[in-house]
Amino acid sequence: MKRQITFRQYRAMDLFLFTALLCVCETLITLGANRWFPAEPWTLSLTPAVTAIVMVRWGGFAAIPALLGALVFCLASGATLPQYFIYCVGNLAALVLTQFLYREGWKRLHAQVLLALLYGLMAALLMQLGRALLSLAMGTGWRTCLGFVTTDSLSTLFAALLVWITRNLDGMLEEQRHYLRRIAAEEENEKARANDPWQSE
């Protein structure tokens, strides 16, 4: 007899896969950039993009990749203790977007291309704004705080691009309770058609 996993198990596995992939990629990108492009002012992080996708799928659970992505980035780049705090806590500012996704607001991302791009951009910009405000509150100069935005331009563009791509992949940019119910309904319809004696061949 086939054993079915529970909803919580499915959610845990999904979050683990997204977060594990993020942590591996973030480590490789950060170490590679520090080794081969140490003088470049630009950085590339997958954390905003992955957080934006997970936020659609699981809402507030997107805090997990937002936090761990920042933690891995800090570990790989040799950050100081205040930088750990700024990145880990600042990244949580992106969760403001859960209010937009509430009550199936995520469906609008599939209906409007520009809105999907804006959603990806905002996820990244809110992280940068959160880090900049925290840094400013801790006494850092405003020019340095502005660097959180300018140096992460590639991450912002990548987040918008990845959201735009995933909106066309079935079930990827979809609230997962809705996705599972949709798949179950489709399977029931398929079974009903298969058992219909009047179904034309």
N, C-alpha and C. Protein backbone atom coordinates (compact mmCIF):
# COMPACT_ATOMS: atom_id res chain seq x y z
N MET A 1 0.85 -1.20 0.00
CA MET A 1 0.00 0.00 0.00
C MET A 1 0.89 1.25 0.00
N LYS A 2 0.56 2.18 -0.87
CA LYS A 2 1.38 3.38 -1.00
C LYS A 2 1.15 4.31 0.18
N ARG A 3 2.22 4.72 0.84
CA ARG A 3 2.12 5.59 2.00
C ARG A 3 2.22 7.04 1.55
N GLN A 4 1.23 7.84 1.95
CA GLN A 4 1.21 9.24 1.59
C GLN A 4 1.83 10.07 2.71
N ILE A 5 2.55 11.11 2.32
CA ILE A 5 3.14 11.99 3.32
C ILE A 5 2.10 13.01 3.76
N THR A 6 2.29 13.55 4.95
CA THR A 6 1.38 14.55 5.46
C THR A 6 1.73 15.92 4.86
N PHE A 7 0.81 16.85 5.06
CA PHE A 7 1.04 18.20 4.55
C PHE A 7 2.27 18.83 5.21
N ARG A 8 2.43 18.61 6.52
CA ARG A 8 3.58 19.17 7.22
C ARG A 8 4.88 18.56 6.72
N GLN A 9 4.87 17.27 6.42
CA GLN A 9 6.07 16.63 5.88
C GLN A 9 6.41 17.17 4.50
N TYR A 10 5.38 17.37 3.70
CA TYR A 10 5.59 17.93 2.36
C TYR A 10 6.18 19.34 2.47
N ARG A 11 5.62 20.15 3.37
CA ARG A 11 6.12 21.51 3.56
C ARG A 11 7.57 21.50 4.04
N ALA A 12 7.87 20.62 4.99
CA ALA A 12 9.24 20.54 5.52
C ALA A 12 10.23 20.14 4.43
N MET A 13 9.86 19.16 3.60
CA MET A 13 10.74 18.73 2.51
C MET A 13 10.93 19.83 1.48
N ASP A 14 9.85 20.53 1.15
CA ASP A 14 9.92 21.60 0.16
C ASP A 14 10.81 22.73 0.66
N LEU A 15 10.62 23.13 1.91
CA LEU A 15 11.45 24.19 2.48
C LEU A 15 12.91 23.76 2.57
N PHE A 16 13.13 22.50 2.93
CA PHE A 16 14.50 22.00 3.02
C PHE A 16 15.19 22.04 1.67
N LEU A 17 14.50 21.61 0.62
CA LEU A 17 15.11 21.58 -0.72
C LEU A 17 15.45 22.98 -1.21
N PHE A 18 14.53 23.91 -1.06
CA PHE A 18 14.78 25.28 -1.50
C PHE A 18 15.92 25.90 -0.70
N THR A 19 15.89 25.70 0.62
CA THR A 19 16.91 26.32 1.48
C THR A 19 18.28 25.68 1.29
N ALA A 20 18.31 24.36 1.14
CA ALA A 20 19.59 23.68 0.93
C ALA A 20 20.22 24.10 -0.38
N LEU A 21 19.41 24.17 -1.44
CA LEU A 21 19.93 24.62 -2.74
C LEU A 21 20.44 26.04 -2.65
N LEU A 22 19.70 26.89 -1.94
CA LEU A 22 20.13 28.28 -1.75
C LEU A 22 21.46 28.35 -1.03
N CYS A 23 21.60 27.61 0.06
CA CYS A 23 22.83 27.66 0.87
C CYS A 23 24.05 27.19 0.09
N VAL A 24 23.88 26.13 -0.69
CA VAL A 24 24.99 25.62 -1.51
C VAL A 24 25.40 26.65 -2.55
N CYS A 25 24.42 27.18 -3.28
CA CYS A 25 24.71 28.15 -4.34
C CYS A 25 25.28 29.44 -3.76
N GLU A 26 24.72 29.89 -2.63
CA GLU A 26 25.19 31.13 -2.01
C GLU A 26 26.65 30.99 -1.56
N THR A 27 26.98 29.83 -1.03
CA THR A 27 28.36 29.59 -0.59
C THR A 27 29.32 29.61 -1.78
N LEU A 28 28.97 28.90 -2.85
CA LEU A 28 29.83 28.83 -4.02
C LEU A 28 30.00 30.19 -4.68
N ILE A 29 28.90 30.93 -4.80
CA ILE A 29 28.97 32.25 -5.43
C ILE A 29 29.82 33.22 -4.61
N THR A 30 29.61 33.23 -3.30
CA THR A 30 30.35 34.16 -2.43
C THR A 30 31.84 33.83 -2.39
N LEU A 31 32.15 32.54 -2.23
CA LEU A 31 33.57 32.14 -2.21
C LEU A 31 34.23 32.41 -3.55
N GLY A 32 33.51 32.13 -4.64
CA GLY A 32 34.06 32.39 -5.97
C GLY A 32 34.30 33.87 -6.22
N ALA A 33 33.35 34.70 -5.79
CA ALA A 33 33.49 36.15 -5.98
C ALA A 33 34.66 36.69 -5.15
N ASN A 34 34.80 36.20 -3.93
CA ASN A 34 35.90 36.66 -3.08
C ASN A 34 37.27 36.23 -3.61
N ARG A 35 37.29 35.09 -4.29
CA ARG A 35 38.57 34.59 -4.79
C ARG A 35 38.95 35.21 -6.13
N TRP A 36 37.98 35.26 -7.07
CA TRP A 36 38.32 35.69 -8.43
C TRP A 36 37.99 37.15 -8.72
N PHE A 37 37.04 37.73 -7.97
CA PHE A 37 36.68 39.13 -8.22
C PHE A 37 36.64 39.93 -6.92
N PRO A 38 37.73 39.92 -6.17
CA PRO A 38 37.72 40.59 -4.86
C PRO A 38 37.59 42.10 -4.94
N ALA A 39 37.98 42.69 -6.05
CA ALA A 39 37.95 44.15 -6.16
C ALA A 39 36.63 44.68 -6.71
N GLU A 40 35.76 43.79 -7.19
CA GLU A 40 34.51 44.23 -7.79
C GLU A 40 33.53 44.72 -6.71
N PRO A 41 32.86 45.86 -6.98
CA PRO A 41 31.91 46.39 -5.99
C PRO A 41 30.56 45.69 -6.01
N TRP A 42 30.34 44.83 -7.01
CA TRP A 42 29.03 44.19 -7.17
C TRP A 42 29.00 42.83 -6.49
N THR A 43 27.85 42.47 -5.98
CA THR A 43 27.66 41.14 -5.40
C THR A 43 26.42 40.51 -6.03
N LEU A 44 26.40 39.18 -6.03
CA LEU A 44 25.23 38.45 -6.53
C LEU A 44 24.78 37.50 -5.44
N SER A 45 23.54 37.62 -5.04
CA SER A 45 22.96 36.75 -4.02
C SER A 45 21.65 36.18 -4.54
N LEU A 46 21.44 34.89 -4.30
CA LEU A 46 20.20 34.24 -4.70
C LEU A 46 19.13 34.35 -3.62
N THR A 47 19.49 34.86 -2.46
CA THR A 47 18.56 34.90 -1.34
C THR A 47 17.27 35.67 -1.64
N PRO A 48 17.32 36.87 -2.26
CA PRO A 48 16.07 37.57 -2.56
C PRO A 48 15.16 36.77 -3.49
N ALA A 49 15.74 36.16 -4.51
CA ALA A 49 14.94 35.40 -5.48
C ALA A 49 14.28 34.18 -4.83
N VAL A 50 15.06 33.42 -4.07
CA VAL A 50 14.52 32.22 -3.43
C VAL A 50 13.48 32.60 -2.37
N THR A 51 13.76 33.65 -1.62
CA THR A 51 12.81 34.11 -0.60
C THR A 51 11.49 34.53 -1.24
N ALA A 52 11.57 35.22 -2.37
CA ALA A 52 10.35 35.66 -3.07
C ALA A 52 9.51 34.47 -3.51
N ILE A 53 10.15 33.43 -4.02
CA ILE A 53 9.43 32.23 -4.47
C ILE A 53 8.82 31.49 -3.29
N VAL A 54 9.61 31.27 -2.24
CA VAL A 54 9.13 30.54 -1.07
C VAL A 54 8.01 31.32 -0.38
N MET A 55 8.06 32.65 -0.46
CA MET A 55 7.02 33.46 0.16
C MET A 55 5.66 33.21 -0.50
N VAL A 56 5.66 33.03 -1.81
CA VAL A 56 4.42 32.69 -2.51
C VAL A 56 3.95 31.30 -2.09
N ARG A 57 4.88 30.38 -2.00
CA ARG A 57 4.54 28.98 -1.70
C ARG A 57 4.12 28.77 -0.25
N TRP A 58 4.81 29.45 0.70
CA TRP A 58 4.60 29.14 2.12
C TRP A 58 4.44 30.36 3.02
N GLY A 59 4.28 31.53 2.46
CA GLY A 59 4.04 32.71 3.29
C GLY A 59 5.21 33.03 4.20
N GLY A 60 4.91 33.18 5.50
CA GLY A 60 5.91 33.59 6.48
C GLY A 60 7.07 32.63 6.66
N PHE A 61 6.92 31.39 6.20
CA PHE A 61 8.04 30.43 6.28
C PHE A 61 9.21 30.86 5.40
N ALA A 62 9.00 31.87 4.57
CA ALA A 62 10.09 32.40 3.75
C ALA A 62 11.17 33.04 4.62
N ALA A 63 10.87 33.24 5.90
CA ALA A 63 11.88 33.75 6.83
C ALA A 63 13.06 32.79 6.93
N ILE A 64 12.80 31.50 6.70
CA ILE A 64 13.87 30.50 6.82
C ILE A 64 14.96 30.71 5.77
N PRO A 65 14.64 30.74 4.46
CA PRO A 65 15.70 31.01 3.48
C PRO A 65 16.25 32.43 3.60
N ALA A 66 15.43 33.38 4.03
CA ALA A 66 15.93 34.76 4.19
C ALA A 66 17.02 34.82 5.25
N LEU A 67 16.80 34.13 6.36
CA LEU A 67 17.78 34.11 7.45
C LEU A 67 19.00 33.27 7.11
N LEU A 68 18.75 32.04 6.63
CA LEU A 68 19.88 31.14 6.37
C LEU A 68 20.71 31.60 5.18
N GLY A 69 20.07 32.22 4.20
CA GLY A 69 20.82 32.77 3.07
C GLY A 69 21.78 33.85 3.54
N ALA A 70 21.29 34.72 4.44
CA ALA A 70 22.14 35.78 5.00
C ALA A 70 23.26 35.18 5.85
N LEU A 71 22.92 34.16 6.63
CA LEU A 71 23.91 33.53 7.50
C LEU A 71 25.04 32.91 6.69
N VAL A 72 24.68 32.19 5.63
CA VAL A 72 25.69 31.55 4.78
C VAL A 72 26.55 32.60 4.09
N PHE A 73 25.92 33.67 3.61
CA PHE A 73 26.67 34.75 2.96
C PHE A 73 27.69 35.35 3.92
N CYS A 74 27.27 35.59 5.17
CA CYS A 74 28.17 36.17 6.17
C CYS A 74 29.31 35.21 6.51
N LEU A 75 28.99 33.93 6.64
CA LEU A 75 30.02 32.94 6.95
C LEU A 75 31.06 32.87 5.83
N ALA A 76 30.58 32.83 4.59
CA ALA A 76 31.48 32.68 3.44
C ALA A 76 32.31 33.93 3.18
N SER A 77 31.78 35.09 3.58
CA SER A 77 32.50 36.34 3.30
C SER A 77 33.30 36.84 4.50
N GLY A 78 33.26 36.11 5.61
CA GLY A 78 34.03 36.51 6.79
C GLY A 78 33.51 37.77 7.43
N ALA A 79 32.20 37.87 7.60
CA ALA A 79 31.58 39.07 8.15
C ALA A 79 31.86 39.22 9.65
N THR A 80 31.69 40.44 10.13
CA THR A 80 31.82 40.73 11.56
C THR A 80 30.48 40.43 12.24
N LEU A 81 30.48 40.41 13.56
CA LEU A 81 29.27 40.11 14.31
C LEU A 81 28.14 41.13 14.02
N PRO A 82 28.42 42.44 13.97
CA PRO A 82 27.35 43.39 13.61
C PRO A 82 26.80 43.13 12.21
N GLN A 83 27.65 42.72 11.28
CA GLN A 83 27.18 42.43 9.93
C GLN A 83 26.25 41.22 9.90
N TYR A 84 26.54 40.23 10.74
CA TYR A 84 25.62 39.09 10.86
C TYR A 84 24.23 39.57 11.25
N PHE A 85 24.18 40.46 12.24
CA PHE A 85 22.91 40.97 12.72
C PHE A 85 22.20 41.77 11.63
N ILE A 86 22.94 42.64 10.96
CA ILE A 86 22.36 43.50 9.92
C ILE A 86 21.78 42.67 8.78
N TYR A 87 22.53 41.69 8.31
CA TYR A 87 22.08 40.89 7.18
C TYR A 87 20.93 39.95 7.56
N CYS A 88 21.07 39.26 8.67
CA CYS A 88 20.05 38.27 9.05
C CYS A 88 18.72 38.93 9.40
N VAL A 89 18.76 40.01 10.17
CA VAL A 89 17.53 40.68 10.56
C VAL A 89 17.01 41.56 9.42
N GLY A 90 17.92 42.24 8.74
CA GLY A 90 17.50 43.12 7.64
C GLY A 90 16.79 42.40 6.53
N ASN A 91 17.19 41.17 6.25
CA ASN A 91 16.56 40.40 5.18
C ASN A 91 15.08 40.12 5.45
N LEU A 92 14.70 40.11 6.72
CA LEU A 92 13.31 39.81 7.09
C LEU A 92 12.34 40.91 6.65
N ALA A 93 12.88 42.06 6.26
CA ALA A 93 12.01 43.15 5.79
C ALA A 93 11.22 42.74 4.55
N ALA A 94 11.74 41.78 3.80
CA ALA A 94 11.03 41.32 2.60
C ALA A 94 9.70 40.69 2.92
N LEU A 95 9.53 40.21 4.17
CA LEU A 95 8.29 39.54 4.55
C LEU A 95 7.09 40.48 4.59
N VAL A 96 7.35 41.78 4.45
CA VAL A 96 6.26 42.74 4.32
C VAL A 96 5.36 42.36 3.13
N LEU A 97 5.94 41.74 2.13
CA LEU A 97 5.20 41.38 0.92
C LEU A 97 4.19 40.26 1.15
N THR A 98 4.24 39.59 2.30
CA THR A 98 3.24 38.56 2.57
C THR A 98 1.84 39.17 2.62
N GLN A 99 1.76 40.46 2.96
CA GLN A 99 0.46 41.13 3.00
C GLN A 99 -0.14 41.26 1.61
N PHE A 100 0.73 41.46 0.61
CA PHE A 100 0.27 41.52 -0.77
C PHE A 100 -0.21 40.15 -1.25
N LEU A 101 0.45 39.09 -0.80
CA LEU A 101 0.13 37.74 -1.26
C LEU A 101 -1.09 37.16 -0.55
N TYR A 102 -1.54 37.82 0.50
CA TYR A 102 -2.65 37.32 1.32
C TYR A 102 -3.92 37.23 0.48
N ARG A 103 -4.77 36.24 0.80
CA ARG A 103 -6.04 36.01 0.12
C ARG A 103 -5.86 35.85 -1.39
N GLU A 104 -4.94 35.00 -1.76
CA GLU A 104 -4.69 34.62 -3.15
C GLU A 104 -4.24 35.79 -4.03
N GLY A 105 -3.62 36.79 -3.37
CA GLY A 105 -3.06 37.89 -4.16
C GLY A 105 -1.96 37.44 -5.10
N TRP A 106 -1.36 36.28 -4.79
CA TRP A 106 -0.29 35.74 -5.63
C TRP A 106 -0.76 35.43 -7.05
N LYS A 107 -2.06 35.22 -7.23
CA LYS A 107 -2.59 34.90 -8.56
C LYS A 107 -2.36 36.05 -9.54
N ARG A 108 -2.29 37.25 -9.00
CA ARG A 108 -2.06 38.41 -9.86
C ARG A 108 -0.68 38.38 -10.50
N LEU A 109 0.26 37.66 -9.88
CA LEU A 109 1.60 37.54 -10.46
C LEU A 109 1.57 36.77 -11.77
N HIS A 110 0.60 35.88 -11.91
CA HIS A 110 0.46 35.11 -13.15
C HIS A 110 -0.31 35.90 -14.20
N ALA A 111 -1.16 36.78 -13.75
CA ALA A 111 -1.99 37.54 -14.69
C ALA A 111 -1.27 38.77 -15.24
N GLN A 112 -0.33 39.33 -14.47
CA GLN A 112 0.33 40.57 -14.88
C GLN A 112 1.85 40.42 -14.83
N VAL A 113 2.46 40.48 -15.98
CA VAL A 113 3.91 40.30 -16.08
C VAL A 113 4.66 41.40 -15.31
N LEU A 114 4.24 42.64 -15.49
CA LEU A 114 4.93 43.75 -14.83
C LEU A 114 4.83 43.64 -13.31
N LEU A 115 3.70 43.15 -12.83
CA LEU A 115 3.53 42.98 -11.39
C LEU A 115 4.46 41.89 -10.86
N ALA A 116 4.64 40.83 -11.65
CA ALA A 116 5.56 39.75 -11.25
C ALA A 116 7.00 40.28 -11.17
N LEU A 117 7.39 41.08 -12.15
CA LEU A 117 8.73 41.67 -12.13
C LEU A 117 8.89 42.62 -10.95
N LEU A 118 7.85 43.41 -10.69
CA LEU A 118 7.89 44.35 -9.57
C LEU A 118 7.97 43.61 -8.24
N TYR A 119 7.28 42.49 -8.14
CA TYR A 119 7.31 41.69 -6.91
C TYR A 119 8.74 41.20 -6.63
N GLY A 120 9.41 40.68 -7.65
CA GLY A 120 10.79 40.24 -7.49
C GLY A 120 11.71 41.38 -7.11
N LEU A 121 11.53 42.53 -7.75
CA LEU A 121 12.33 43.71 -7.43
C LEU A 121 12.11 44.15 -5.99
N MET A 122 10.85 44.18 -5.57
CA MET A 122 10.53 44.66 -4.23
C MET A 122 11.07 43.73 -3.15
N ALA A 123 11.06 42.42 -3.41
CA ALA A 123 11.60 41.47 -2.44
C ALA A 123 13.07 41.77 -2.17
N ALA A 124 13.82 42.05 -3.24
CA ALA A 124 15.24 42.37 -3.09
C ALA A 124 15.45 43.75 -2.48
N LEU A 125 14.69 44.73 -2.93
CA LEU A 125 14.86 46.10 -2.43
C LEU A 125 14.48 46.23 -0.96
N LEU A 126 13.46 45.50 -0.54
CA LEU A 126 13.08 45.54 0.88
C LEU A 126 14.17 44.95 1.77
N MET A 127 14.82 43.89 1.29
CA MET A 127 15.96 43.34 2.04
C MET A 127 17.06 44.37 2.17
N GLN A 128 17.36 45.03 1.07
CA GLN A 128 18.42 46.04 1.09
C GLN A 128 18.05 47.22 1.97
N LEU A 129 16.78 47.61 1.93
CA LEU A 129 16.32 48.71 2.77
C LEU A 129 16.39 48.32 4.24
N GLY A 130 16.00 47.09 4.56
CA GLY A 130 16.08 46.62 5.94
C GLY A 130 17.51 46.65 6.46
N ARG A 131 18.44 46.19 5.64
CA ARG A 131 19.84 46.19 6.06
C ARG A 131 20.38 47.61 6.19
N ALA A 132 19.99 48.49 5.27
CA ALA A 132 20.47 49.87 5.30
C ALA A 132 19.96 50.60 6.54
N LEU A 133 18.69 50.42 6.88
CA LEU A 133 18.12 51.10 8.04
C LEU A 133 18.75 50.60 9.35
N LEU A 134 18.96 49.29 9.42
CA LEU A 134 19.62 48.74 10.62
C LEU A 134 21.04 49.27 10.75
N SER A 135 21.73 49.30 9.62
CA SER A 135 23.10 49.79 9.63
C SER A 135 23.15 51.26 10.03
N LEU A 136 22.19 52.02 9.52
CA LEU A 136 22.12 53.45 9.86
C LEU A 136 21.83 53.63 11.34
N ALA A 137 20.94 52.80 11.89
CA ALA A 137 20.59 52.88 13.31
C ALA A 137 21.78 52.51 14.20
N MET A 138 22.71 51.73 13.66
CA MET A 138 23.88 51.31 14.44
C MET A 138 25.05 52.28 14.27
N GLY A 139 24.78 53.41 13.61
CA GLY A 139 25.79 54.46 13.54
C GLY A 139 26.61 54.50 12.27
N THR A 140 26.25 53.69 11.29
CA THR A 140 26.99 53.69 10.02
C THR A 140 26.59 54.91 9.20
N GLY A 141 27.53 55.48 8.48
CA GLY A 141 27.26 56.64 7.63
C GLY A 141 26.29 56.30 6.51
N TRP A 142 25.54 57.32 6.04
CA TRP A 142 24.51 57.07 5.04
C TRP A 142 25.09 56.65 3.70
N ARG A 143 26.31 57.07 3.39
CA ARG A 143 26.94 56.66 2.14
C ARG A 143 27.21 55.16 2.13
N THR A 144 27.65 54.66 3.27
CA THR A 144 27.89 53.23 3.39
C THR A 144 26.57 52.46 3.31
N CYS A 145 25.53 53.00 3.94
CA CYS A 145 24.21 52.36 3.91
C CYS A 145 23.66 52.31 2.49
N LEU A 146 23.93 53.34 1.72
CA LEU A 146 23.48 53.37 0.32
C LEU A 146 24.12 52.24 -0.48
N GLY A 147 25.28 51.81 -0.04
CA GLY A 147 25.98 50.73 -0.73
C GLY A 147 25.22 49.41 -0.71
N PHE A 148 24.33 49.23 0.28
CA PHE A 148 23.54 48.00 0.32
C PHE A 148 22.66 47.88 -0.91
N VAL A 149 22.25 49.03 -1.46
CA VAL A 149 21.39 49.03 -2.64
C VAL A 149 22.22 48.93 -3.92
N THR A 150 23.26 49.77 -4.02
CA THR A 150 24.03 49.83 -5.26
C THR A 150 24.82 48.55 -5.53
N THR A 151 25.39 47.96 -4.48
CA THR A 151 26.21 46.76 -4.70
C THR A 151 25.36 45.52 -4.97
N ASP A 152 24.09 45.57 -4.62
CA ASP A 152 23.20 44.42 -4.81
C ASP A 152 22.32 44.56 -6.04
N SER A 153 22.70 45.40 -6.97
CA SER A 153 21.89 45.60 -8.18
C SER A 153 21.69 44.32 -8.96
N LEU A 154 22.75 43.51 -9.07
CA LEU A 154 22.64 42.24 -9.80
C LEU A 154 21.67 41.30 -9.11
N SER A 155 21.68 41.27 -7.79
CA SER A 155 20.76 40.42 -7.04
C SER A 155 19.32 40.86 -7.26
N THR A 156 19.10 42.16 -7.36
CA THR A 156 17.76 42.69 -7.58
C THR A 156 17.23 42.28 -8.95
N LEU A 157 18.07 42.45 -9.96
CA LEU A 157 17.66 42.07 -11.32
C LEU A 157 17.44 40.57 -11.43
N PHE A 158 18.29 39.79 -10.77
CA PHE A 158 18.15 38.34 -10.82
C PHE A 158 16.86 37.88 -10.15
N ALA A 159 16.49 38.53 -9.05
CA ALA A 159 15.25 38.19 -8.36
C ALA A 159 14.04 38.43 -9.26
N ALA A 160 14.03 39.58 -9.94
CA ALA A 160 12.93 39.88 -10.86
C ALA A 160 12.89 38.87 -12.00
N LEU A 161 14.05 38.52 -12.54
CA LEU A 161 14.12 37.57 -13.64
C LEU A 161 13.63 36.19 -13.24
N LEU A 162 14.05 35.73 -12.06
CA LEU A 162 13.68 34.39 -11.62
C LEU A 162 12.18 34.29 -11.32
N VAL A 163 11.61 35.34 -10.74
CA VAL A 163 10.17 35.35 -10.50
C VAL A 163 9.42 35.31 -11.84
N TRP A 164 9.90 36.06 -12.81
CA TRP A 164 9.28 36.08 -14.13
C TRP A 164 9.33 34.69 -14.79
N ILE A 165 10.44 33.99 -14.62
CA ILE A 165 10.59 32.66 -15.21
C ILE A 165 9.69 31.65 -14.50
N THR A 166 9.70 31.66 -13.17
CA THR A 166 8.98 30.64 -12.42
C THR A 166 7.46 30.81 -12.51
N ARG A 167 6.98 31.99 -12.85
CA ARG A 167 5.53 32.17 -12.97
C ARG A 167 4.96 31.34 -14.11
N ASN A 168 5.83 30.90 -15.03
CA ASN A 168 5.39 30.08 -16.16
C ASN A 168 5.59 28.58 -15.92
N LEU A 169 6.12 28.21 -14.75
CA LEU A 169 6.32 26.81 -14.41
C LEU A 169 5.18 26.33 -13.53
N ASP A 170 4.52 25.27 -13.93
CA ASP A 170 3.33 24.81 -13.23
C ASP A 170 3.63 24.49 -11.76
N GLY A 171 2.89 25.16 -10.87
CA GLY A 171 3.00 24.88 -9.45
C GLY A 171 4.17 25.52 -8.74
N MET A 172 5.08 26.15 -9.46
CA MET A 172 6.28 26.71 -8.83
C MET A 172 5.94 27.98 -8.06
N LEU A 173 5.31 28.93 -8.71
CA LEU A 173 4.95 30.20 -8.07
C LEU A 173 3.45 30.15 -7.73
N GLU A 174 3.12 29.24 -6.82
CA GLU A 174 1.73 29.00 -6.44
C GLU A 174 1.66 28.62 -4.96
N GLU A 175 0.70 29.20 -4.25
CA GLU A 175 0.50 28.85 -2.86
C GLU A 175 0.25 27.34 -2.79
N GLN A 176 0.96 26.65 -1.93
CA GLN A 176 1.01 25.19 -2.03
C GLN A 176 -0.25 24.48 -1.55
N ARG A 177 -1.02 25.06 -0.66
CA ARG A 177 -2.32 24.46 -0.34
C ARG A 177 -3.21 24.49 -1.57
N HIS A 178 -3.19 25.61 -2.26
CA HIS A 178 -3.97 25.75 -3.49
C HIS A 178 -3.49 24.77 -4.54
N TYR A 179 -2.18 24.63 -4.65
CA TYR A 179 -1.59 23.72 -5.64
C TYR A 179 -2.01 22.27 -5.38
N LEU A 180 -1.90 21.83 -4.13
CA LEU A 180 -2.24 20.45 -3.80
C LEU A 180 -3.73 20.17 -4.02
N ARG A 181 -4.57 21.13 -3.67
CA ARG A 181 -6.01 20.97 -3.91
C ARG A 181 -6.32 20.92 -5.39
N ARG A 182 -5.62 21.76 -6.16
CA ARG A 182 -5.83 21.77 -7.61
C ARG A 182 -5.43 20.44 -8.24
N ILE A 183 -4.28 19.93 -7.83
CA ILE A 183 -3.82 18.64 -8.36
C ILE A 183 -4.76 17.52 -7.98
N ALA A 184 -5.25 17.51 -6.74
CA ALA A 184 -6.18 16.48 -6.28
C ALA A 184 -7.48 16.54 -7.08
N ALA A 185 -7.97 17.75 -7.34
CA ALA A 185 -9.20 17.91 -8.12
C ALA A 185 -9.00 17.43 -9.56
N GLU A 186 -7.84 17.72 -10.13
CA GLU A 186 -7.55 17.27 -11.49
C GLU A 186 -7.48 15.75 -11.57
N GLU A 187 -6.89 15.12 -10.54
CA GLU A 187 -6.81 13.66 -10.51
C GLU A 187 -8.19 13.02 -10.37
N GLU A 188 -9.04 13.66 -9.56
CA GLU A 188 -10.41 13.15 -9.40
C GLU A 188 -11.17 13.26 -10.71
N ASN A 189 -10.97 14.34 -11.42
CA ASN A 189 -11.64 14.51 -12.71
C ASN A 189 -11.16 13.47 -13.72
N GLU A 190 -9.87 13.19 -13.69
CA GLU A 190 -9.31 12.18 -14.58
C GLU A 190 -9.90 10.80 -14.27
N LYS A 191 -10.02 10.46 -12.98
CA LYS A 191 -10.59 9.18 -12.60
C LYS A 191 -12.05 9.08 -13.00
N ALA A 192 -12.78 10.20 -12.83
CA ALA A 192 -14.19 10.21 -13.20
C ALA A 192 -14.37 10.00 -14.70
N ARG A 193 -13.53 10.62 -15.48
CA ARG A 193 -13.62 10.45 -16.93
C ARG A 193 -13.25 9.02 -17.34
N ALA A 194 -12.25 8.45 -16.64
CA ALA A 194 -11.82 7.09 -16.96
C ALA A 194 -12.89 6.06 -16.62
N ASN A 195 -13.70 6.35 -15.58
CA ASN A 195 -14.74 5.41 -15.15
C ASN A 195 -16.09 5.69 -15.79
N ASP A 196 -16.15 6.70 -16.62
CA ASP A 196 -17.41 7.05 -17.28
C ASP A 196 -17.66 6.11 -18.46
N PRO A 197 -18.70 5.25 -18.39
CA PRO A 197 -18.93 4.30 -19.51
C PRO A 197 -19.37 4.99 -20.78
N TRP A 198 -19.83 6.23 -20.66
CA TRP A 198 -20.29 6.95 -21.83
C TRP A 198 -19.22 7.86 -22.43
N GLN A 199 -18.03 7.79 -21.83
CA GLN A 199 -16.93 8.62 -22.32
C GLN A 199 -16.55 8.15 -23.71
N SER A 200 -16.54 9.06 -24.66
CA SER A 200 -16.20 8.72 -26.05
C SER A 200 -14.71 8.40 -26.14
N GLU A 201 -14.38 7.46 -26.96
CA GLU A 201 -12.98 7.06 -27.12
C GLU A 201 -12.31 7.91 -28.20
